[in-house]
Amino acid sequence: MFCYHFTTKKALSKIRKDNFLNPNTKLFQIKNINRLHKKYGMGNKDYKSVKNFARKLPKNNFIVAIPKSRFKDWTKSGLIKDIYHFIKPDYRLEFEIPKNCRIFAREHIYQSPKEVIKKHKKKMYMNVPEPHKTNIWIKYFKSTKRIKKEKDLKNIKVPEIWLSCKIPFNQIKITKLKIGH
């Protein structure tokens, strides 16, 4: 399966220096779950359920990517614009996932501008009022599942994939993004 990963000029320099795109993002962070519970009033039942779900997930770091074959879904949902807005990437990296890589997938449609406008009349997930914002996050988080092949993504509308492996720099195709994307 081929993927896209978006990155900044500074991050690309580190990838070049390391000679690898290294996993550096946690699949989950208990502190995020605790914050939703304490600050935003996630109910005790949801809190326990999400925490128990999180305990079963690997604790190591991952590379977050988009399946190349599903890039259209990300564009139609409006999430590519969110990537440009929040990450402000300078480059799109393209690579094939190595055979020995552990892969997880999440359904990202819940946080997409298209879905948020349709269900909550807001332009961005960040503007959705509580408790709806927390409920969206819970659905997104609990959609995490292990996959082995691209066909395992067929029931996911806007798949976000999480890769446990390093990607050798010489196996990455780099595309400079146009200013203003």
N, C-alpha and C. Protein backbone atom coordinates (compact mmCIF):
# COMPACT_ATOMS: atom_id res chain seq x y z
N MET A 1 0.86 -1.17 0.00
CA MET A 1 0.00 0.00 0.00
C MET A 1 0.91 1.24 0.00
N PHE A 2 0.58 2.18 -0.86
CA PHE A 2 1.31 3.45 -0.91
C PHE A 2 0.58 4.48 -0.05
N CYS A 3 1.36 5.36 0.57
CA CYS A 3 0.81 6.36 1.50
C CYS A 3 1.40 7.73 1.24
N TYR A 4 0.69 8.71 1.77
CA TYR A 4 1.19 10.08 1.82
C TYR A 4 1.37 10.48 3.29
N HIS A 5 2.43 11.22 3.52
CA HIS A 5 2.68 11.82 4.84
C HIS A 5 3.08 13.26 4.56
N PHE A 6 2.47 14.20 5.24
CA PHE A 6 2.74 15.62 5.02
C PHE A 6 3.70 16.12 6.09
N THR A 7 4.65 16.96 5.67
CA THR A 7 5.66 17.41 6.63
C THR A 7 6.16 18.81 6.30
N THR A 8 6.83 19.39 7.27
CA THR A 8 7.40 20.74 7.12
C THR A 8 8.86 20.65 6.64
N LYS A 9 9.40 21.77 6.27
CA LYS A 9 10.79 21.84 5.83
C LYS A 9 11.73 21.40 6.96
N LYS A 10 11.45 21.86 8.18
CA LYS A 10 12.28 21.52 9.34
C LYS A 10 12.24 20.01 9.61
N ALA A 11 11.05 19.42 9.57
CA ALA A 11 10.93 17.98 9.81
C ALA A 11 11.61 17.18 8.70
N LEU A 12 11.51 17.65 7.46
CA LEU A 12 12.16 16.95 6.36
C LEU A 12 13.68 16.96 6.54
N SER A 13 14.22 18.04 7.06
CA SER A 13 15.67 18.10 7.33
C SER A 13 16.08 17.02 8.32
N LYS A 14 15.27 16.81 9.34
CA LYS A 14 15.55 15.77 10.34
C LYS A 14 15.44 14.38 9.71
N ILE A 15 14.45 14.18 8.87
CA ILE A 15 14.28 12.90 8.19
C ILE A 15 15.52 12.61 7.34
N ARG A 16 16.00 13.63 6.62
CA ARG A 16 17.22 13.47 5.80
C ARG A 16 18.41 13.11 6.67
N LYS A 17 18.56 13.84 7.78
CA LYS A 17 19.69 13.62 8.70
C LYS A 17 19.64 12.21 9.28
N ASP A 18 18.45 11.77 9.69
CA ASP A 18 18.28 10.43 10.29
C ASP A 18 18.33 9.32 9.24
N ASN A 19 18.12 9.71 7.98
CA ASN A 19 18.04 8.77 6.86
C ASN A 19 16.80 7.87 6.93
N PHE A 20 15.84 8.27 7.75
CA PHE A 20 14.58 7.54 7.92
C PHE A 20 13.46 8.51 8.27
N LEU A 21 12.24 8.17 7.85
CA LEU A 21 11.03 8.77 8.41
C LEU A 21 10.72 7.89 9.60
N ASN A 22 10.91 8.42 10.79
CA ASN A 22 10.73 7.65 12.02
C ASN A 22 9.35 7.85 12.62
N PRO A 23 8.80 6.82 13.23
CA PRO A 23 7.54 6.98 13.97
C PRO A 23 7.78 7.92 15.16
N ASN A 24 6.93 8.93 15.32
CA ASN A 24 7.11 9.85 16.46
C ASN A 24 5.81 10.34 17.07
N THR A 25 4.68 9.69 16.76
CA THR A 25 3.38 10.11 17.28
C THR A 25 2.74 8.94 18.03
N LYS A 26 2.30 9.20 19.25
CA LYS A 26 1.61 8.17 20.03
C LYS A 26 0.24 7.89 19.42
N LEU A 27 -0.15 6.62 19.42
CA LEU A 27 -1.46 6.21 18.93
C LEU A 27 -2.55 6.80 19.82
N PHE A 28 -2.24 7.00 21.06
CA PHE A 28 -3.14 7.65 22.01
C PHE A 28 -2.29 8.17 23.15
N GLN A 29 -2.85 9.09 23.92
CA GLN A 29 -2.19 9.57 25.12
C GLN A 29 -3.23 9.62 26.24
N ILE A 30 -2.93 8.92 27.31
CA ILE A 30 -3.85 8.89 28.45
C ILE A 30 -4.16 10.31 28.92
N LYS A 31 -3.18 11.22 28.84
CA LYS A 31 -3.43 12.60 29.30
C LYS A 31 -4.56 13.25 28.50
N ASN A 32 -4.71 12.90 27.20
CA ASN A 32 -5.82 13.45 26.41
C ASN A 32 -7.16 12.92 26.92
N ILE A 33 -7.18 11.65 27.26
CA ILE A 33 -8.41 11.05 27.79
C ILE A 33 -8.75 11.68 29.14
N ASN A 34 -7.73 11.85 29.98
CA ASN A 34 -7.95 12.47 31.30
C ASN A 34 -8.44 13.91 31.15
N ARG A 35 -7.88 14.64 30.18
CA ARG A 35 -8.29 16.04 29.95
C ARG A 35 -9.76 16.11 29.53
N LEU A 36 -10.16 15.21 28.63
CA LEU A 36 -11.56 15.20 28.19
C LEU A 36 -12.50 14.89 29.35
N HIS A 37 -12.05 14.05 30.23
CA HIS A 37 -12.87 13.68 31.39
C HIS A 37 -12.99 14.84 32.38
N LYS A 38 -11.85 15.45 32.70
CA LYS A 38 -11.83 16.50 33.73
C LYS A 38 -12.31 17.86 33.20
N LYS A 39 -11.76 18.29 32.07
CA LYS A 39 -12.04 19.63 31.57
C LYS A 39 -13.37 19.73 30.83
N TYR A 40 -13.71 18.70 30.06
CA TYR A 40 -14.89 18.78 29.20
C TYR A 40 -16.04 17.90 29.65
N GLY A 41 -15.87 17.26 30.79
CA GLY A 41 -16.98 16.53 31.37
C GLY A 41 -17.35 15.24 30.67
N MET A 42 -16.35 14.53 30.12
CA MET A 42 -16.64 13.22 29.56
C MET A 42 -17.23 12.37 30.69
N GLY A 43 -18.35 11.76 30.43
CA GLY A 43 -19.02 10.96 31.45
C GLY A 43 -18.16 9.80 31.95
N ASN A 44 -18.42 9.35 33.17
CA ASN A 44 -17.63 8.27 33.77
C ASN A 44 -17.68 6.99 32.94
N LYS A 45 -18.86 6.69 32.39
CA LYS A 45 -19.02 5.47 31.58
C LYS A 45 -18.12 5.54 30.34
N ASP A 46 -18.18 6.67 29.61
CA ASP A 46 -17.33 6.84 28.42
C ASP A 46 -15.85 6.85 28.81
N TYR A 47 -15.54 7.52 29.90
CA TYR A 47 -14.15 7.63 30.37
C TYR A 47 -13.57 6.23 30.61
N LYS A 48 -14.29 5.40 31.34
CA LYS A 48 -13.82 4.04 31.63
C LYS A 48 -13.71 3.21 30.36
N SER A 49 -14.69 3.35 29.48
CA SER A 49 -14.71 2.60 28.24
C SER A 49 -13.51 2.97 27.35
N VAL A 50 -13.26 4.27 27.20
CA VAL A 50 -12.16 4.74 26.36
C VAL A 50 -10.82 4.35 26.99
N LYS A 51 -10.72 4.50 28.29
CA LYS A 51 -9.47 4.16 28.98
C LYS A 51 -9.17 2.66 28.83
N ASN A 52 -10.18 1.82 28.97
CA ASN A 52 -9.99 0.38 28.81
C ASN A 52 -9.60 0.04 27.37
N PHE A 53 -10.22 0.72 26.41
CA PHE A 53 -9.88 0.53 25.00
C PHE A 53 -8.41 0.92 24.77
N ALA A 54 -8.01 2.06 25.33
CA ALA A 54 -6.65 2.58 25.15
C ALA A 54 -5.61 1.63 25.74
N ARG A 55 -5.93 1.00 26.82
CA ARG A 55 -4.96 0.09 27.47
C ARG A 55 -4.59 -1.09 26.58
N LYS A 56 -5.46 -1.42 25.64
CA LYS A 56 -5.21 -2.57 24.75
C LYS A 56 -4.36 -2.18 23.53
N LEU A 57 -4.15 -0.89 23.33
CA LEU A 57 -3.40 -0.42 22.16
C LEU A 57 -1.91 -0.36 22.46
N PRO A 58 -1.07 -0.49 21.42
CA PRO A 58 0.38 -0.40 21.63
C PRO A 58 0.79 0.98 22.13
N LYS A 59 1.84 1.02 22.92
CA LYS A 59 2.30 2.28 23.53
C LYS A 59 3.41 2.95 22.71
N ASN A 60 3.90 2.28 21.68
CA ASN A 60 5.00 2.86 20.91
C ASN A 60 4.53 3.97 19.97
N ASN A 61 5.47 4.58 19.28
CA ASN A 61 5.18 5.68 18.36
C ASN A 61 4.85 5.17 16.96
N PHE A 62 4.16 6.03 16.21
CA PHE A 62 3.70 5.69 14.87
C PHE A 62 3.90 6.86 13.92
N ILE A 63 3.89 6.55 12.63
CA ILE A 63 3.84 7.54 11.56
C ILE A 63 2.37 7.64 11.17
N VAL A 64 1.85 8.85 11.08
CA VAL A 64 0.47 9.05 10.66
C VAL A 64 0.48 9.35 9.16
N ALA A 65 -0.38 8.65 8.42
CA ALA A 65 -0.36 8.78 6.96
C ALA A 65 -1.76 8.62 6.39
N ILE A 66 -1.84 8.89 5.10
CA ILE A 66 -3.09 8.75 4.34
C ILE A 66 -2.83 7.76 3.21
N PRO A 67 -3.69 6.77 3.05
CA PRO A 67 -3.51 5.86 1.91
C PRO A 67 -3.63 6.65 0.60
N LYS A 68 -2.66 6.50 -0.27
CA LYS A 68 -2.67 7.22 -1.55
C LYS A 68 -3.97 6.96 -2.31
N SER A 69 -4.44 5.73 -2.27
CA SER A 69 -5.66 5.37 -3.01
C SER A 69 -6.91 6.04 -2.46
N ARG A 70 -6.82 6.59 -1.25
CA ARG A 70 -7.98 7.21 -0.61
C ARG A 70 -7.82 8.72 -0.44
N PHE A 71 -6.83 9.29 -1.11
CA PHE A 71 -6.58 10.73 -1.01
C PHE A 71 -7.82 11.53 -1.44
N LYS A 72 -8.54 11.02 -2.45
CA LYS A 72 -9.76 11.69 -2.92
C LYS A 72 -10.79 11.84 -1.80
N ASP A 73 -10.90 10.82 -0.97
CA ASP A 73 -11.84 10.85 0.16
C ASP A 73 -11.46 11.96 1.14
N TRP A 74 -10.17 12.12 1.36
CA TRP A 74 -9.69 13.18 2.26
C TRP A 74 -9.98 14.56 1.66
N THR A 75 -9.82 14.68 0.35
CA THR A 75 -10.08 15.95 -0.31
C THR A 75 -11.57 16.28 -0.28
N LYS A 76 -12.42 15.31 -0.64
CA LYS A 76 -13.88 15.53 -0.64
C LYS A 76 -14.42 15.87 0.74
N SER A 77 -13.85 15.28 1.77
CA SER A 77 -14.33 15.51 3.14
C SER A 77 -13.88 16.86 3.70
N GLY A 78 -12.90 17.49 3.04
CA GLY A 78 -12.38 18.77 3.51
C GLY A 78 -11.19 18.63 4.45
N LEU A 79 -10.79 17.41 4.75
CA LEU A 79 -9.71 17.20 5.72
C LEU A 79 -8.33 17.59 5.19
N ILE A 80 -8.14 17.55 3.88
CA ILE A 80 -6.85 17.99 3.33
C ILE A 80 -6.64 19.47 3.63
N LYS A 81 -7.70 20.26 3.52
CA LYS A 81 -7.58 21.69 3.87
C LYS A 81 -7.21 21.85 5.34
N ASP A 82 -7.74 20.98 6.20
CA ASP A 82 -7.39 21.02 7.63
C ASP A 82 -5.90 20.70 7.82
N ILE A 83 -5.39 19.73 7.08
CA ILE A 83 -3.96 19.40 7.17
C ILE A 83 -3.14 20.63 6.80
N TYR A 84 -3.50 21.27 5.70
CA TYR A 84 -2.77 22.46 5.27
C TYR A 84 -2.87 23.58 6.32
N HIS A 85 -4.04 23.71 6.93
CA HIS A 85 -4.26 24.77 7.92
C HIS A 85 -3.48 24.51 9.22
N PHE A 86 -3.54 23.28 9.73
CA PHE A 86 -2.95 22.99 11.03
C PHE A 86 -1.47 22.60 10.97
N ILE A 87 -1.09 21.81 9.99
CA ILE A 87 0.30 21.35 9.90
C ILE A 87 1.16 22.35 9.13
N LYS A 88 0.54 23.03 8.17
CA LYS A 88 1.25 23.95 7.27
C LYS A 88 2.44 23.24 6.60
N PRO A 89 2.14 22.13 5.91
CA PRO A 89 3.23 21.34 5.32
C PRO A 89 3.88 22.02 4.12
N ASP A 90 5.15 21.75 3.96
CA ASP A 90 5.89 22.22 2.79
C ASP A 90 6.07 21.09 1.77
N TYR A 91 5.95 19.84 2.27
CA TYR A 91 6.21 18.69 1.42
C TYR A 91 5.20 17.57 1.65
N ARG A 92 4.97 16.82 0.57
CA ARG A 92 4.20 15.59 0.66
C ARG A 92 5.17 14.44 0.39
N LEU A 93 5.25 13.51 1.33
CA LEU A 93 6.10 12.35 1.17
C LEU A 93 5.24 11.17 0.71
N GLU A 94 5.73 10.43 -0.24
CA GLU A 94 5.02 9.25 -0.73
C GLU A 94 5.94 8.05 -0.58
N PHE A 95 5.38 6.96 -0.06
CA PHE A 95 6.17 5.75 0.14
C PHE A 95 5.26 4.53 0.21
N GLU A 96 5.89 3.39 0.02
CA GLU A 96 5.17 2.13 0.16
C GLU A 96 5.41 1.60 1.57
N ILE A 97 4.35 1.09 2.19
CA ILE A 97 4.48 0.54 3.54
C ILE A 97 5.25 -0.78 3.45
N PRO A 98 6.31 -0.93 4.24
CA PRO A 98 7.06 -2.19 4.24
C PRO A 98 6.19 -3.36 4.71
N LYS A 99 6.50 -4.54 4.24
CA LYS A 99 5.71 -5.74 4.55
C LYS A 99 5.64 -6.05 6.04
N ASN A 100 6.69 -5.75 6.80
CA ASN A 100 6.76 -6.11 8.21
C ASN A 100 6.15 -5.06 9.15
N CYS A 101 5.46 -4.10 8.60
CA CYS A 101 4.95 -2.97 9.37
C CYS A 101 3.59 -3.28 10.03
N ARG A 102 3.48 -2.95 11.31
CA ARG A 102 2.16 -3.02 11.97
C ARG A 102 1.38 -1.79 11.57
N ILE A 103 0.12 -2.00 11.16
CA ILE A 103 -0.70 -0.89 10.67
C ILE A 103 -2.02 -0.85 11.45
N PHE A 104 -2.36 0.36 11.88
CA PHE A 104 -3.67 0.60 12.48
C PHE A 104 -4.38 1.63 11.60
N ALA A 105 -5.70 1.63 11.65
CA ALA A 105 -6.48 2.60 10.89
C ALA A 105 -7.53 3.21 11.80
N ARG A 106 -7.88 4.45 11.51
CA ARG A 106 -8.96 5.16 12.21
C ARG A 106 -9.86 5.80 11.18
N GLU A 107 -11.14 5.90 11.54
CA GLU A 107 -12.12 6.59 10.70
C GLU A 107 -12.06 8.07 11.05
N HIS A 108 -11.67 8.87 10.07
CA HIS A 108 -11.50 10.31 10.32
C HIS A 108 -12.70 11.14 9.84
N ILE A 109 -13.72 10.52 9.27
CA ILE A 109 -14.87 11.26 8.75
C ILE A 109 -15.55 12.10 9.83
N TYR A 110 -15.57 11.60 11.07
CA TYR A 110 -16.29 12.28 12.16
C TYR A 110 -15.81 13.71 12.38
N GLN A 111 -14.51 13.96 12.15
CA GLN A 111 -13.94 15.28 12.39
C GLN A 111 -13.82 16.10 11.11
N SER A 112 -14.31 15.58 10.01
CA SER A 112 -14.15 16.27 8.74
C SER A 112 -15.06 17.49 8.65
N PRO A 113 -14.61 18.54 7.96
CA PRO A 113 -15.46 19.72 7.78
C PRO A 113 -16.82 19.38 7.17
N LYS A 114 -16.85 18.50 6.19
CA LYS A 114 -18.11 18.12 5.54
C LYS A 114 -19.09 17.54 6.56
N GLU A 115 -18.62 16.64 7.39
CA GLU A 115 -19.47 15.99 8.39
C GLU A 115 -19.87 16.96 9.51
N VAL A 116 -18.94 17.79 9.93
CA VAL A 116 -19.19 18.75 11.01
C VAL A 116 -20.21 19.80 10.57
N ILE A 117 -20.11 20.25 9.33
CA ILE A 117 -21.09 21.21 8.80
C ILE A 117 -22.47 20.55 8.74
N LYS A 118 -22.50 19.33 8.22
CA LYS A 118 -23.76 18.60 8.06
C LYS A 118 -24.45 18.34 9.41
N LYS A 119 -23.70 17.91 10.40
CA LYS A 119 -24.29 17.50 11.68
C LYS A 119 -24.34 18.57 12.75
N HIS A 120 -23.41 19.55 12.68
CA HIS A 120 -23.32 20.53 13.77
C HIS A 120 -23.34 21.98 13.30
N LYS A 121 -23.44 22.20 12.00
CA LYS A 121 -23.51 23.55 11.43
C LYS A 121 -22.28 24.41 11.80
N LYS A 122 -21.13 23.75 11.93
CA LYS A 122 -19.86 24.45 12.23
C LYS A 122 -18.88 24.15 11.12
N LYS A 123 -17.94 25.08 10.87
CA LYS A 123 -16.98 24.88 9.78
C LYS A 123 -15.82 23.97 10.18
N MET A 124 -15.50 23.93 11.46
CA MET A 124 -14.37 23.12 11.92
C MET A 124 -14.74 22.34 13.17
N TYR A 125 -14.15 21.17 13.27
CA TYR A 125 -14.34 20.32 14.45
C TYR A 125 -14.05 21.08 15.75
N MET A 126 -13.01 21.92 15.71
CA MET A 126 -12.60 22.67 16.90
C MET A 126 -13.72 23.58 17.42
N ASN A 127 -14.67 23.95 16.57
CA ASN A 127 -15.76 24.87 16.95
C ASN A 127 -17.02 24.16 17.40
N VAL A 128 -17.02 22.84 17.37
CA VAL A 128 -18.21 22.08 17.78
C VAL A 128 -18.33 22.19 19.30
N PRO A 129 -19.53 22.52 19.80
CA PRO A 129 -19.69 22.66 21.25
C PRO A 129 -19.67 21.30 21.96
N GLU A 130 -19.34 21.35 23.23
CA GLU A 130 -19.41 20.15 24.07
C GLU A 130 -20.87 19.86 24.38
N PRO A 131 -21.26 18.64 24.59
CA PRO A 131 -20.47 17.42 24.65
C PRO A 131 -20.25 16.79 23.27
N HIS A 132 -20.73 17.43 22.21
CA HIS A 132 -20.63 16.86 20.87
C HIS A 132 -19.18 16.66 20.43
N LYS A 133 -18.31 17.63 20.75
CA LYS A 133 -16.91 17.53 20.34
C LYS A 133 -16.26 16.29 20.98
N THR A 134 -16.52 16.08 22.25
CA THR A 134 -15.96 14.91 22.94
C THR A 134 -16.53 13.62 22.35
N ASN A 135 -17.82 13.61 22.03
CA ASN A 135 -18.43 12.41 21.44
C ASN A 135 -17.83 12.09 20.07
N ILE A 136 -17.52 13.12 19.29
CA ILE A 136 -16.86 12.93 18.00
C ILE A 136 -15.49 12.29 18.21
N TRP A 137 -14.74 12.84 19.17
CA TRP A 137 -13.41 12.32 19.46
C TRP A 137 -13.47 10.86 19.92
N ILE A 138 -14.44 10.52 20.75
CA ILE A 138 -14.59 9.14 21.23
C ILE A 138 -14.84 8.20 20.05
N LYS A 139 -15.72 8.59 19.14
CA LYS A 139 -16.00 7.75 17.96
C LYS A 139 -14.73 7.57 17.12
N TYR A 140 -14.01 8.67 16.90
CA TYR A 140 -12.77 8.62 16.14
C TYR A 140 -11.77 7.68 16.82
N PHE A 141 -11.54 7.88 18.10
CA PHE A 141 -10.56 7.11 18.85
C PHE A 141 -10.92 5.62 18.88
N LYS A 142 -12.19 5.32 19.15
CA LYS A 142 -12.62 3.93 19.27
C LYS A 142 -12.75 3.23 17.91
N SER A 143 -12.60 3.98 16.83
CA SER A 143 -12.61 3.34 15.51
C SER A 143 -11.26 2.70 15.19
N THR A 144 -10.27 2.88 16.06
CA THR A 144 -8.93 2.32 15.86
C THR A 144 -9.00 0.80 15.71
N LYS A 145 -8.42 0.32 14.61
CA LYS A 145 -8.39 -1.13 14.42
C LYS A 145 -7.13 -1.52 13.67
N ARG A 146 -6.67 -2.71 13.91
CA ARG A 146 -5.49 -3.25 13.24
C ARG A 146 -5.90 -3.68 11.83
N ILE A 147 -5.08 -3.35 10.86
CA ILE A 147 -5.32 -3.81 9.49
C ILE A 147 -4.05 -4.46 8.95
N LYS A 148 -4.22 -5.28 7.93
CA LYS A 148 -3.07 -5.94 7.31
C LYS A 148 -2.92 -5.58 5.84
N LYS A 149 -4.05 -5.31 5.19
CA LYS A 149 -4.05 -5.03 3.75
C LYS A 149 -4.93 -3.83 3.46
N GLU A 150 -4.73 -3.27 2.29
CA GLU A 150 -5.51 -2.11 1.88
C GLU A 150 -7.00 -2.40 1.81
N LYS A 151 -7.36 -3.61 1.44
CA LYS A 151 -8.78 -3.96 1.36
C LYS A 151 -9.46 -3.91 2.73
N ASP A 152 -8.68 -3.97 3.82
CA ASP A 152 -9.24 -3.85 5.17
C ASP A 152 -9.80 -2.45 5.45
N LEU A 153 -9.51 -1.52 4.56
CA LEU A 153 -9.98 -0.13 4.71
C LEU A 153 -11.34 0.11 4.06
N LYS A 154 -11.90 -0.89 3.40
CA LYS A 154 -13.08 -0.67 2.56
C LYS A 154 -14.29 -0.10 3.30
N ASN A 155 -14.45 -0.39 4.58
CA ASN A 155 -15.61 0.14 5.33
C ASN A 155 -15.29 1.43 6.09
N ILE A 156 -14.14 2.00 5.81
CA ILE A 156 -13.75 3.26 6.44
C ILE A 156 -13.87 4.35 5.38
N LYS A 157 -14.68 5.36 5.67
CA LYS A 157 -14.93 6.41 4.67
C LYS A 157 -13.71 7.29 4.41
N VAL A 158 -13.04 7.72 5.49
CA VAL A 158 -11.86 8.58 5.36
C VAL A 158 -10.77 8.00 6.28
N PRO A 159 -10.01 7.02 5.77
CA PRO A 159 -9.05 6.33 6.62
C PRO A 159 -7.78 7.13 6.90
N GLU A 160 -7.43 7.14 8.17
CA GLU A 160 -6.15 7.67 8.63
C GLU A 160 -5.38 6.44 9.10
N ILE A 161 -4.16 6.28 8.61
CA ILE A 161 -3.42 5.08 9.00
C ILE A 161 -2.22 5.43 9.86
N TRP A 162 -1.89 4.49 10.73
CA TRP A 162 -0.82 4.65 11.72
C TRP A 162 0.15 3.49 11.51
N LEU A 163 1.41 3.82 11.26
CA LEU A 163 2.43 2.84 10.88
C LEU A 163 3.51 2.75 11.96
N SER A 164 3.83 1.53 12.35
CA SER A 164 4.81 1.34 13.43
C SER A 164 6.25 1.28 12.95
N CYS A 165 6.47 1.29 11.66
CA CYS A 165 7.81 1.04 11.11
C CYS A 165 8.50 2.33 10.66
N LYS A 166 9.83 2.21 10.52
CA LYS A 166 10.63 3.29 9.94
C LYS A 166 10.56 3.15 8.42
N ILE A 167 10.61 4.29 7.73
CA ILE A 167 10.64 4.28 6.28
C ILE A 167 12.01 4.81 5.83
N PRO A 168 12.81 4.00 5.15
CA PRO A 168 14.12 4.47 4.68
C PRO A 168 13.98 5.68 3.75
N PHE A 169 14.83 6.65 3.95
CA PHE A 169 14.76 7.89 3.18
C PHE A 169 14.84 7.63 1.67
N ASN A 170 15.65 6.66 1.27
CA ASN A 170 15.81 6.40 -0.17
C ASN A 170 14.57 5.75 -0.80
N GLN A 171 13.57 5.44 0.02
CA GLN A 171 12.32 4.86 -0.50
C GLN A 171 11.17 5.86 -0.48
N ILE A 172 11.50 7.13 -0.22
CA ILE A 172 10.49 8.18 -0.13
C ILE A 172 10.58 9.08 -1.34
N LYS A 173 9.43 9.30 -1.98
CA LYS A 173 9.33 10.29 -3.07
C LYS A 173 8.86 11.59 -2.42
N ILE A 174 9.58 12.65 -2.65
CA ILE A 174 9.29 13.96 -2.03
C ILE A 174 8.70 14.90 -3.07
N THR A 175 7.56 15.50 -2.74
CA THR A 175 6.94 16.48 -3.62
C THR A 175 6.81 17.79 -2.85
N LYS A 176 7.41 18.85 -3.40
CA LYS A 176 7.27 20.17 -2.77
C LYS A 176 5.87 20.67 -3.07
N LEU A 177 5.20 21.14 -2.04
CA LEU A 177 3.84 21.67 -2.22
C LEU A 177 3.93 23.12 -2.66
N LYS A 178 2.96 23.53 -3.46
CA LYS A 178 2.91 24.90 -3.92
C LYS A 178 2.49 25.82 -2.77
N ILE A 179 3.02 27.04 -2.77
CA ILE A 179 2.64 28.01 -1.74
C ILE A 179 1.16 28.29 -1.86
N GLY A 180 0.47 28.28 -0.74
CA GLY A 180 -0.97 28.49 -0.72
C GLY A 180 -1.73 27.20 -0.93
N HIS A 181 -1.05 26.12 -1.28
CA HIS A 181 -1.58 24.77 -1.44
C HIS A 181 -2.85 24.79 -2.23
